Amino acid sequence: MSVFSRIGIPCAALLAMSVSLGGCITSSANSSLMDARAEAPKPPASRSYMAVEDIPSDRTPALTADEQSKLKKELNAVRDRQKAAAKAQN
């Protein structure tokens, strides 16, 4: 192997990487890394979140009364079937 291939290729790769990464680091004379916090936008003074105890007035129930009673009957029937199946196994 020649000296260039042993030393030159790694040096060329290192030079290429440093040049390509050098573009990521930009600095201007008027700013520093500490100025980044000063330039950040300030958060709003008041939040527009709703209070915990406030409930929206336009809520509609997820199920109607008929649907609720039907669902309760179905759940009771499933529970009874499971109880009967458990008793049959024991």
C-alpha atoms as a PDB file:
ATOM      1  CA  MET A   1       0.000   0.000   0.000  1.00  0.00           C
ATOM      2  CA  SER A   2       1.171   3.455  -0.719  1.00  0.00           C
ATOM      3  CA  VAL A   3       1.512   6.123   1.909  1.00  0.00           C
ATOM      4  CA  PHE A   4      -1.327   8.100   0.354  1.00  0.00           C
ATOM      5  CA  SER A   5      -3.806   5.271   0.704  1.00  0.00           C
ATOM      6  CA  ARG A   6      -2.837   4.657   4.345  1.00  0.00           C
ATOM      7  CA  ILE A   7      -2.808   8.283   5.451  1.00  0.00           C
ATOM      8  CA  GLY A   8      -4.307  10.328   2.654  1.00  0.00           C
ATOM      9  CA  ILE A   9      -7.682   8.608   2.336  1.00  0.00           C
ATOM     10  CA  PRO A  10      -8.570   8.888   6.063  1.00  0.00           C
ATOM     11  CA  CYS A  11      -7.363  12.504   6.088  1.00  0.00           C
ATOM     12  CA  ALA A  12      -9.424  13.284   2.986  1.00  0.00           C
ATOM     13  CA  ALA A  13     -12.481  11.670   4.578  1.00  0.00           C
ATOM     14  CA  LEU A  14     -11.921  13.652   7.771  1.00  0.00           C
ATOM     15  CA  LEU A  15     -11.559  16.869   5.794  1.00  0.00           C
ATOM     16  CA  ALA A  16     -14.729  16.157   3.824  1.00  0.00           C
ATOM     17  CA  MET A  17     -16.684  15.440   7.013  1.00  0.00           C
ATOM     18  CA  SER A  18     -15.442  18.573   8.724  1.00  0.00           C
ATOM     19  CA  VAL A  19     -16.347  20.733   5.737  1.00  0.00           C
ATOM     20  CA  SER A  20     -19.815  19.201   5.449  1.00  0.00           C
ATOM     21  CA  LEU A  21     -20.495  19.509   9.172  1.00  0.00           C
ATOM     22  CA  GLY A  22     -19.098  23.020   9.251  1.00  0.00           C
ATOM     23  CA  GLY A  23     -22.183  24.173   7.377  1.00  0.00           C
ATOM     24  CA  CYS A  24     -24.344  23.073  10.305  1.00  0.00           C
ATOM     25  CA  ILE A  25     -22.616  25.441  12.682  1.00  0.00           C
ATOM     26  CA  THR A  26     -23.331  29.002  11.753  1.00  0.00           C
ATOM     27  CA  SER A  27     -22.575  31.943  13.931  1.00  0.00           C
ATOM     28  CA  SER A  28     -22.996  35.620  13.544  1.00  0.00           C
ATOM     29  CA  ALA A  29     -21.083  38.337  15.322  1.00  0.00           C
ATOM     30  CA  ASN A  30     -24.144  39.643  17.171  1.00  0.00           C
ATOM     31  CA  SER A  31     -25.482  36.418  18.656  1.00  0.00           C
ATOM     32  CA  SER A  32     -24.274  33.678  20.905  1.00  0.00           C
ATOM     33  CA  LEU A  33     -25.737  30.429  22.158  1.00  0.00           C
ATOM     34  CA  MET A  34     -26.986  32.192  25.295  1.00  0.00           C
ATOM     35  CA  ASP A  35     -29.010  34.635  23.178  1.00  0.00           C
ATOM     36  CA  ALA A  36     -31.167  31.794  21.872  1.00  0.00           C
ATOM     37  CA  ARG A  37     -33.298  31.829  25.039  1.00  0.00           C
ATOM     38  CA  ALA A  38     -33.771  35.583  24.794  1.00  0.00           C
ATOM     39  CA  GLU A  39     -34.955  35.281  21.200  1.00  0.00           C
ATOM     40  CA  ALA A  40     -37.467  32.525  21.968  1.00  0.00           C
ATOM     41  CA  PRO A  41     -41.118  33.600  21.876  1.00  0.00           C
ATOM     42  CA  LYS A  42     -42.666  34.245  25.263  1.00  0.00           C
ATOM     43  CA  PRO A  43     -45.564  31.970  26.302  1.00  0.00           C
ATOM     44  CA  PRO A  44     -48.967  33.621  26.598  1.00  0.00           C
ATOM     45  CA  ALA A  45     -49.686  35.118  30.015  1.00  0.00           C
ATOM     46  CA  SER A  46     -53.093  33.508  30.450  1.00  0.00           C
ATOM     47  CA  ARG A  47     -54.169  30.079  29.379  1.00  0.00           C
ATOM     48  CA  SER A  48     -57.477  29.527  27.677  1.00  0.00           C
ATOM     49  CA  TYR A  49     -58.112  26.150  29.251  1.00  0.00           C
ATOM     50  CA  MET A  50     -61.528  25.375  30.604  1.00  0.00           C
ATOM     51  CA  ALA A  51     -61.847  24.974  34.360  1.00  0.00           C
ATOM     52  CA  VAL A  52     -62.074  21.398  35.591  1.00  0.00           C
ATOM     53  CA  GLU A  53     -65.564  21.747  37.023  1.00  0.00           C
ATOM     54  CA  ASP A  54     -66.990  23.387  33.888  1.00  0.00           C
ATOM     55  CA  ILE A  55     -68.842  21.027  31.586  1.00  0.00           C
ATOM     56  CA  PRO A  56     -69.708  22.006  28.030  1.00  0.00           C
ATOM     57  CA  SER A  57     -73.398  22.809  27.759  1.00  0.00           C
ATOM     58  CA  ASP A  58     -73.947  21.154  24.383  1.00  0.00           C
ATOM     59  CA  ARG A  59     -73.309  17.594  25.538  1.00  0.00           C
ATOM     60  CA  THR A  60     -75.703  14.928  24.376  1.00  0.00           C
ATOM     61  CA  PRO A  61     -75.905  11.511  26.005  1.00  0.00           C
ATOM     62  CA  ALA A  62     -73.983   8.766  24.253  1.00  0.00           C
ATOM     63  CA  LEU A  63     -76.935   6.366  24.484  1.00  0.00           C
ATOM     64  CA  THR A  64     -80.644   7.032  24.611  1.00  0.00           C
ATOM     65  CA  ALA A  65     -82.718   5.631  27.464  1.00  0.00           C
ATOM     66  CA  ASP A  66     -83.966   2.776  25.252  1.00  0.00           C
ATOM     67  CA  GLU A  67     -80.436   1.891  24.174  1.00  0.00           C
ATOM     68  CA  GLN A  68     -79.253   1.948  27.790  1.00  0.00           C
ATOM     69  CA  SER A  69     -81.988  -0.401  28.952  1.00  0.00           C
ATOM     70  CA  LYS A  70     -81.343  -2.755  26.021  1.00  0.00           C
ATOM     71  CA  LEU A  71     -77.616  -2.779  26.785  1.00  0.00           C
ATOM     72  CA  LYS A  72     -78.265  -3.499  30.484  1.00  0.00           C
ATOM     73  CA  LYS A  73     -80.492  -6.443  29.562  1.00  0.00           C
ATOM     74  CA  GLU A  74     -77.858  -7.831  27.191  1.00  0.00           C
ATOM     75  CA  LEU A  75     -75.103  -7.476  29.796  1.00  0.00           C
ATOM     76  CA  ASN A  76     -77.239  -9.183  32.442  1.00  0.00           C
ATOM     77  CA  ALA A  77     -77.980 -12.045  30.042  1.00  0.00           C
ATOM     78  CA  VAL A  78     -74.271 -12.490  29.270  1.00  0.00           C
ATOM     79  CA  ARG A  79     -73.446 -12.434  32.985  1.00  0.00           C
ATOM     80  CA  ASP A  80     -76.087 -15.074  33.699  1.00  0.00           C
ATOM     81  CA  ARG A  81     -74.796 -17.300  30.880  1.00  0.00           C
ATOM     82  CA  GLN A  82     -71.242 -17.004  32.209  1.00  0.00           C
ATOM     83  CA  LYS A  83     -72.372 -17.883  35.729  1.00  0.00           C
ATOM     84  CA  ALA A  84     -74.197 -20.952  34.417  1.00  0.00           C
ATOM     85  CA  ALA A  85     -71.156 -22.017  32.373  1.00  0.00           C
ATOM     86  CA  ALA A  86     -68.873 -21.593  35.398  1.00  0.00           C
ATOM     87  CA  LYS A  87     -71.198 -23.705  37.569  1.00  0.00           C
ATOM     88  CA  ALA A  88     -71.296 -26.410  34.878  1.00  0.00           C
ATOM     89  CA  GLN A  89     -67.494 -26.614  34.796  1.00  0.00           C
ATOM     90  CA  ASN A  90     -67.144 -26.983  38.572  1.00  0.00           C
END
